[in-house]
PDB file of N, CA and C in Angstrom:
ATOM      1  N   UNK A   1     -46.134  81.167  88.288  1.00  0.00           N
ATOM      2  CA  UNK A   1     -45.771  81.348  90.079  1.00  0.00           C
ATOM      3  C   UNK A   1     -46.182  83.035  89.059  1.00  0.00           C
ATOM      4  N   UNK A   2     -45.109  83.228  88.419  1.00  0.00           N
ATOM      5  CA  UNK A   2     -44.586  84.833  87.905  1.00  0.00           C
ATOM      6  C   UNK A   2     -46.016  85.308  86.683  1.00  0.00           C
ATOM      7  N   UNK A   3     -46.486  84.428  85.995  1.00  0.00           N
ATOM      8  CA  UNK A   3     -48.021  84.593  85.309  1.00  0.00           C
ATOM      9  C   UNK A   3     -48.836  85.464  86.338  1.00  0.00           C
ATOM     10  N   UNK A   4     -49.236  85.111  87.083  1.00  0.00           N
ATOM     11  CA  UNK A   4     -50.293  85.414  88.377  1.00  0.00           C
ATOM     12  C   UNK A   4     -49.753  86.146  89.640  1.00  0.00           C
ATOM     13  N   UNK A   5     -48.471  86.735  89.629  1.00  0.00           N
ATOM     14  CA  UNK A   5     -48.431  87.942  89.895  1.00  0.00           C
ATOM     15  C   UNK A   5     -48.044  88.737  89.866  1.00  0.00           C
ATOM     16  N   UNK A   6     -47.692  88.639  87.456  1.00  0.00           N
ATOM     17  CA  UNK A   6     -48.219  89.910  86.646  1.00  0.00           C
ATOM     18  C   UNK A   6     -48.693  90.555  86.455  1.00  0.00           C
ATOM     19  N   UNK A   7     -50.459  89.103  87.029  1.00  0.00           N
ATOM     20  CA  UNK A   7     -51.386  90.077  86.773  1.00  0.00           C
ATOM     21  C   UNK A   7     -51.877  91.496  87.554  1.00  0.00           C
ATOM     22  N   UNK A   8     -51.390  90.199  88.769  1.00  0.00           N
ATOM     23  CA  UNK A   8     -51.803  90.680  89.933  1.00  0.00           C
ATOM     24  C   UNK A   8     -51.246  92.501  89.785  1.00  0.00           C
ATOM     25  N   UNK A   9     -49.937  92.576  89.949  1.00  0.00           N
ATOM     26  CA  UNK A   9     -49.723  93.219  89.274  1.00  0.00           C
ATOM     27  C   UNK A   9     -50.350  94.778  88.664  1.00  0.00           C
ATOM     28  N   UNK A  10     -50.808  93.685  87.020  1.00  0.00           N
ATOM     29  CA  UNK A  10     -51.865  94.678  86.445  1.00  0.00           C
ATOM     30  C   UNK A  10     -52.635  95.458  86.998  1.00  0.00           C
ATOM     31  N   UNK A  11     -53.081  94.364  87.437  1.00  0.00           N
ATOM     32  CA  UNK A  11     -55.014  94.146  88.316  1.00  0.00           C
ATOM     33  C   UNK A  11     -55.471  95.993  89.051  1.00  0.00           C
ATOM     34  N   UNK A  12     -53.826  95.769  89.803  1.00  0.00           N
ATOM     35  CA  UNK A  12     -53.195  97.127  90.639  1.00  0.00           C
ATOM     36  C   UNK A  12     -53.073  97.589  90.458  1.00  0.00           C
ATOM     37  N   UNK A  13     -52.646  98.190  88.743  1.00  0.00           N
ATOM     38  CA  UNK A  13     -52.066  99.539  88.808  1.00  0.00           C
ATOM     39  C   UNK A  13     -53.870  99.946  88.068  1.00  0.00           C
ATOM     40  N   UNK A  14     -54.079  99.336  87.503  1.00  0.00           N
ATOM     41  CA  UNK A  14     -55.783  99.294  86.180  1.00  0.00           C
ATOM     42  C   UNK A  14     -55.958 100.155  87.491  1.00  0.00           C
ATOM     43  N   UNK A  15     -56.264  99.616  88.721  1.00  0.00           N
ATOM     44  CA  UNK A  15     -57.144 100.324  90.500  1.00  0.00           C
ATOM     45  C   UNK A  15     -57.171 101.185  90.707  1.00  0.00           C
ATOM     46  N   UNK A  16     -55.824 102.028  90.571  1.00  0.00           N
ATOM     47  CA  UNK A  16     -54.734 102.888  90.367  1.00  0.00           C
ATOM     48  C   UNK A  16     -54.867 104.083  90.260  1.00  0.00           C
ATOM     49  N   UNK A  17     -55.376 103.432  87.974  1.00  0.00           N
ATOM     50  CA  UNK A  17     -55.206 104.518  87.807  1.00  0.00           C
ATOM     51  C   UNK A  17     -56.553 105.043  87.534  1.00  0.00           C
ATOM     52  N   UNK A  18     -57.421 103.987  87.551  1.00  0.00           N
ATOM     53  CA  UNK A  18     -59.224 104.443  87.763  1.00  0.00           C
ATOM     54  C   UNK A  18     -59.192 105.294  88.808  1.00  0.00           C
ATOM     55  N   UNK A  19     -59.085 105.065  89.848  1.00  0.00           N
ATOM     56  CA  UNK A  19     -58.479 105.767  90.855  1.00  0.00           C
ATOM     57  C   UNK A  19     -58.577 107.305  90.986  1.00  0.00           C
ATOM     58  N   UNK A  20     -57.378 107.706  89.775  1.00  0.00           N
ATOM     59  CA  UNK A  20     -56.947 109.243  90.171  1.00  0.00           C
ATOM     60  C   UNK A  20     -58.140 109.335  89.236  1.00  0.00           C
ATOM     61  N   UNK A  21     -58.268 108.732  87.894  1.00  0.00           N
ATOM     62  CA  UNK A  21     -59.225 109.834  87.200  1.00  0.00           C
ATOM     63  C   UNK A  21     -60.714 110.134  87.752  1.00  0.00           C
ATOM     64  N   UNK A  22     -60.705 109.647  88.849  1.00  0.00           N
ATOM     65  CA  UNK A  22     -62.081 110.153  90.030  1.00  0.00           C
ATOM     66  C   UNK A  22     -61.843 111.138  90.019  1.00  0.00           C
ATOM     67  N   UNK A  23     -60.690 111.059  90.514  1.00  0.00           N
ATOM     68  CA  UNK A  23     -60.585 112.218  91.498  1.00  0.00           C
ATOM     69  C   UNK A  23     -60.134 112.976  90.243  1.00  0.00           C
ATOM     70  N   UNK A  24     -59.599 113.482  89.489  1.00  0.00           N
ATOM     71  CA  UNK A  24     -59.866 114.446  88.659  1.00  0.00           C
ATOM     72  C   UNK A  24     -60.888 115.173  87.804  1.00  0.00           C
ATOM     73  N   UNK A  25     -61.702 113.844  88.102  1.00  0.00           N
ATOM     74  CA  UNK A  25     -63.808 114.341  87.713  1.00  0.00           C
ATOM     75  C   UNK A  25     -63.943 115.383  88.848  1.00  0.00           C
ATOM     76  N   UNK A  26     -64.841 116.352  88.266  1.00  0.00           N
ATOM     77  CA  UNK A  26     -65.303 116.911  89.142  1.00  0.00           C
ATOM     78  C   UNK A  26     -66.919 116.572  89.184  1.00  0.00           C
ATOM     79  N   UNK A  27     -67.654 116.248  90.066  1.00  0.00           N
ATOM     80  CA  UNK A  27     -68.731 115.575  89.708  1.00  0.00           C
ATOM     81  C   UNK A  27     -70.135 116.180  89.206  1.00  0.00           C
ATOM     82  N   UNK A  28     -69.586 117.134  89.739  1.00  0.00           N
ATOM     83  CA  UNK A  28     -71.761 118.263  89.070  1.00  0.00           C
ATOM     84  C   UNK A  28     -70.900 118.476  87.750  1.00  0.00           C
ATOM     85  N   UNK A  29     -69.691 118.688  86.720  1.00  0.00           N
ATOM     86  CA  UNK A  29     -69.896 118.861  86.075  1.00  0.00           C
ATOM     87  C   UNK A  29     -70.226 118.366  84.605  1.00  0.00           C
ATOM     88  N   UNK A  30     -71.281 118.759  83.772  1.00  0.00           N
ATOM     89  CA  UNK A  30     -72.209 118.082  83.195  1.00  0.00           C
ATOM     90  C   UNK A  30     -71.284 118.987  81.195  1.00  0.00           C
ATOM     91  N   UNK A  31     -70.754 118.637  80.363  1.00  0.00           N
ATOM     92  CA  UNK A  31     -70.397 119.255  79.309  1.00  0.00           C
ATOM     93  C   UNK A  31     -71.233 119.930  78.127  1.00  0.00           C
ATOM     94  N   UNK A  32     -71.739 120.679  77.863  1.00  0.00           N
ATOM     95  CA  UNK A  32     -71.863 121.236  76.574  1.00  0.00           C
ATOM     96  C   UNK A  32     -71.938 120.551  75.691  1.00  0.00           C
ATOM     97  N   UNK A  33     -72.241 120.384  74.747  1.00  0.00           N
ATOM     98  CA  UNK A  33     -72.981 119.396  74.190  1.00  0.00           C
ATOM     99  C   UNK A  33     -72.509 119.821  72.700  1.00  0.00           C
ATOM    100  N   UNK A  34     -71.480 119.598  71.578  1.00  0.00           N
ATOM    101  CA  UNK A  34     -71.147 120.014  70.421  1.00  0.00           C
ATOM    102  C   UNK A  34     -69.459 120.977  70.385  1.00  0.00           C
ATOM    103  N   UNK A  35     -68.587 120.727  71.622  1.00  0.00           N
ATOM    104  CA  UNK A  35     -68.142 121.914  71.845  1.00  0.00           C
ATOM    105  C   UNK A  35     -66.392 121.284  72.302  1.00  0.00           C
ATOM    106  N   UNK A  36     -65.824 121.568  71.464  1.00  0.00           N
ATOM    107  CA  UNK A  36     -64.437 121.098  72.000  1.00  0.00           C
ATOM    108  C   UNK A  36     -64.024 121.292  72.972  1.00  0.00           C
ATOM    109  N   UNK A  37     -64.361 122.884  73.447  1.00  0.00           N
ATOM    110  CA  UNK A  37     -63.899 123.328  74.878  1.00  0.00           C
ATOM    111  C   UNK A  37     -65.094 123.684  75.998  1.00  0.00           C
ATOM    112  N   UNK A  38     -65.706 122.367  75.901  1.00  0.00           N
ATOM    113  CA  UNK A  38     -66.756 122.849  76.625  1.00  0.00           C
ATOM    114  C   UNK A  38     -67.062 123.586  78.151  1.00  0.00           C
ATOM    115  N   UNK A  39     -68.066 124.463  78.322  1.00  0.00           N
ATOM    116  CA  UNK A  39     -67.990 124.522  79.663  1.00  0.00           C
ATOM    117  C   UNK A  39     -69.490 123.790  80.208  1.00  0.00           C
ATOM    118  N   UNK A  40     -69.496 124.196  81.703  1.00  0.00           N
ATOM    119  CA  UNK A  40     -70.801 123.419  82.059  1.00  0.00           C
ATOM    120  C   UNK A  40     -72.113 123.677  82.416  1.00  0.00           C
ATOM    121  N   UNK A  41     -73.134 123.290  81.663  1.00  0.00           N
ATOM    122  CA  UNK A  41     -74.201 123.171  81.746  1.00  0.00           C
ATOM    123  C   UNK A  41     -75.511 123.523  82.689  1.00  0.00           C
ATOM    124  N   UNK A  42     -74.558 122.819  84.428  1.00  0.00           N
ATOM    125  CA  UNK A  42     -74.571 123.575  85.040  1.00  0.00           C
ATOM    126  C   UNK A  42     -76.389 122.232  85.783  1.00  0.00           C
ATOM    127  N   UNK A  43     -76.120 121.862  86.591  1.00  0.00           N
ATOM    128  CA  UNK A  43     -76.888 120.860  87.673  1.00  0.00           C
ATOM    129  C   UNK A  43     -78.493 121.971  88.436  1.00  0.00           C
ATOM    130  N   UNK A  44     -78.365 123.072  88.441  1.00  0.00           N
ATOM    131  CA  UNK A  44     -78.928 123.781  89.486  1.00  0.00           C
ATOM    132  C   UNK A  44     -78.646 123.294  90.793  1.00  0.00           C
ATOM    133  N   UNK A  45     -77.959 123.161  91.265  1.00  0.00           N
ATOM    134  CA  UNK A  45     -77.069 123.193  93.223  1.00  0.00           C
ATOM    135  C   UNK A  45     -76.896 124.409  93.490  1.00  0.00           C
ATOM    136  N   UNK A  46     -76.891 124.338  94.002  1.00  0.00           N
ATOM    137  CA  UNK A  46     -76.285 125.977  95.116  1.00  0.00           C
ATOM    138  C   UNK A  46     -74.466 126.560  95.176  1.00  0.00           C
ATOM    139  N   UNK A  47     -74.070 124.909  94.902  1.00  0.00           N
ATOM    140  CA  UNK A  47     -72.691 125.341  94.641  1.00  0.00           C
ATOM    141  C   UNK A  47     -72.327 125.862  93.191  1.00  0.00           C
ATOM    142  N   UNK A  48     -73.414 125.419  91.594  1.00  0.00           N
ATOM    143  CA  UNK A  48     -73.788 125.575  90.755  1.00  0.00           C
ATOM    144  C   UNK A  48     -73.690 126.890  90.637  1.00  0.00           C
ATOM    145  N   UNK A  49     -73.868 128.264  91.682  1.00  0.00           N
ATOM    146  CA  UNK A  49     -74.699 129.259  91.936  1.00  0.00           C
ATOM    147  C   UNK A  49     -73.772 130.087  90.933  1.00  0.00           C
ATOM    148  N   UNK A  50     -72.752 130.264  91.582  1.00  0.00           N
ATOM    149  CA  UNK A  50     -71.804 131.104  90.752  1.00  0.00           C
ATOM    150  C   UNK A  50     -70.298 130.529  90.946  1.00  0.00           C
ATOM    151  N   UNK A  51     -70.328 129.910  89.859  1.00  0.00           N
ATOM    152  CA  UNK A  51     -69.147 128.721  89.370  1.00  0.00           C
ATOM    153  C   UNK A  51     -68.852 129.732  88.100  1.00  0.00           C
ATOM    154  N   UNK A  52     -67.925 129.561  87.538  1.00  0.00           N
ATOM    155  CA  UNK A  52     -66.876 130.163  87.052  1.00  0.00           C
ATOM    156  C   UNK A  52     -66.727 129.712  85.661  1.00  0.00           C
ATOM    157  N   UNK A  53     -67.273 128.285  85.909  1.00  0.00           N
ATOM    158  CA  UNK A  53     -67.655 127.756  84.359  1.00  0.00           C
ATOM    159  C   UNK A  53     -68.861 127.124  83.637  1.00  0.00           C
ATOM    160  N   UNK A  54     -69.825 127.592  84.803  1.00  0.00           N
ATOM    161  CA  UNK A  54     -70.945 127.223  83.906  1.00  0.00           C
ATOM    162  C   UNK A  54     -71.005 128.277  83.039  1.00  0.00           C
ATOM    163  N   UNK A  55     -71.757 127.845  81.571  1.00  0.00           N
ATOM    164  CA  UNK A  55     -72.176 128.021  80.666  1.00  0.00           C
ATOM    165  C   UNK A  55     -72.306 129.260  80.193  1.00  0.00           C
ATOM    166  N   UNK A  56     -73.755 129.503  81.321  1.00  0.00           N
ATOM    167  CA  UNK A  56     -74.774 131.204  81.841  1.00  0.00           C
ATOM    168  C   UNK A  56     -73.552 132.171  82.582  1.00  0.00           C
ATOM    169  N   UNK A  57     -72.699 131.760  83.154  1.00  0.00           N
ATOM    170  CA  UNK A  57     -72.292 132.461  84.460  1.00  0.00           C
ATOM    171  C   UNK A  57     -71.790 134.030  83.421  1.00  0.00           C
ATOM    172  N   UNK A  58     -73.027 135.225  84.245  1.00  0.00           N
ATOM    173  CA  UNK A  58     -72.014 136.471  83.611  1.00  0.00           C
ATOM    174  C   UNK A  58     -72.486 137.365  85.027  1.00  0.00           C
ATOM    175  N   UNK A  59     -71.565 137.139  85.935  1.00  0.00           N
ATOM    176  CA  UNK A  59     -71.722 137.828  87.454  1.00  0.00           C
ATOM    177  C   UNK A  59     -72.835 139.204  86.799  1.00  0.00           C
ATOM    178  N   UNK A  60     -72.244 140.571  86.253  1.00  0.00           N
ATOM    179  CA  UNK A  60     -72.542 141.474  86.270  1.00  0.00           C
ATOM    180  C   UNK A  60     -73.614 141.986  85.566  1.00  0.00           C
ATOM    181  N   UNK A  61     -74.336 140.609  84.518  1.00  0.00           N
ATOM    182  CA  UNK A  61     -75.784 140.776  83.243  1.00  0.00           C
ATOM    183  C   UNK A  61     -76.699 140.361  83.831  1.00  0.00           C
ATOM    184  N   UNK A  62     -77.581 141.434  83.656  1.00  0.00           N
ATOM    185  CA  UNK A  62     -78.858 141.580  84.801  1.00  0.00           C
ATOM    186  C   UNK A  62     -80.023 140.279  83.133  1.00  0.00           C
ATOM    187  N   UNK A  63     -79.264 140.071  82.486  1.00  0.00           N
ATOM    188  CA  UNK A  63     -80.863 139.738  81.724  1.00  0.00           C
ATOM    189  C   UNK A  63     -80.044 138.312  81.495  1.00  0.00           C
ATOM    190  N   UNK A  64     -78.774 137.747  82.382  1.00  0.00           N
ATOM    191  CA  UNK A  64     -78.504 136.315  82.711  1.00  0.00           C
ATOM    192  C   UNK A  64     -80.046 134.765  82.758  1.00  0.00           C
ATOM    193  N   UNK A  65     -79.533 133.850  82.697  1.00  0.00           N
ATOM    194  CA  UNK A  65     -80.436 133.036  82.900  1.00  0.00           C
ATOM    195  C   UNK A  65     -80.425 133.334  84.575  1.00  0.00           C
ATOM    196  N   UNK A  66     -79.748 132.883  85.720  1.00  0.00           N
ATOM    197  CA  UNK A  66     -80.110 133.278  86.651  1.00  0.00           C
ATOM    198  C   UNK A  66     -80.041 134.596  87.008  1.00  0.00           C
ATOM    199  N   UNK A  67     -80.932 135.601  85.986  1.00  0.00           N
ATOM    200  CA  UNK A  67     -81.181 136.791  86.446  1.00  0.00           C
ATOM    201  C   UNK A  67     -82.644 136.795  87.362  1.00  0.00           C
TER     202      UNK A  67
END
């Protein structure tokens, strides 16, 4: 009975860790390749338009990708 209880608790803990991990992820974030501190390459969503973690985000740049 003790082994069953321990395995059940371990499964519950693993499920809780997975839930917390998913909460921390930004659903629209796509990291740049080959960059240890990646910015987002974007998904061309409406909410990405003014996102400051986008790799090509420069609000005052008339020559930016979004211009």
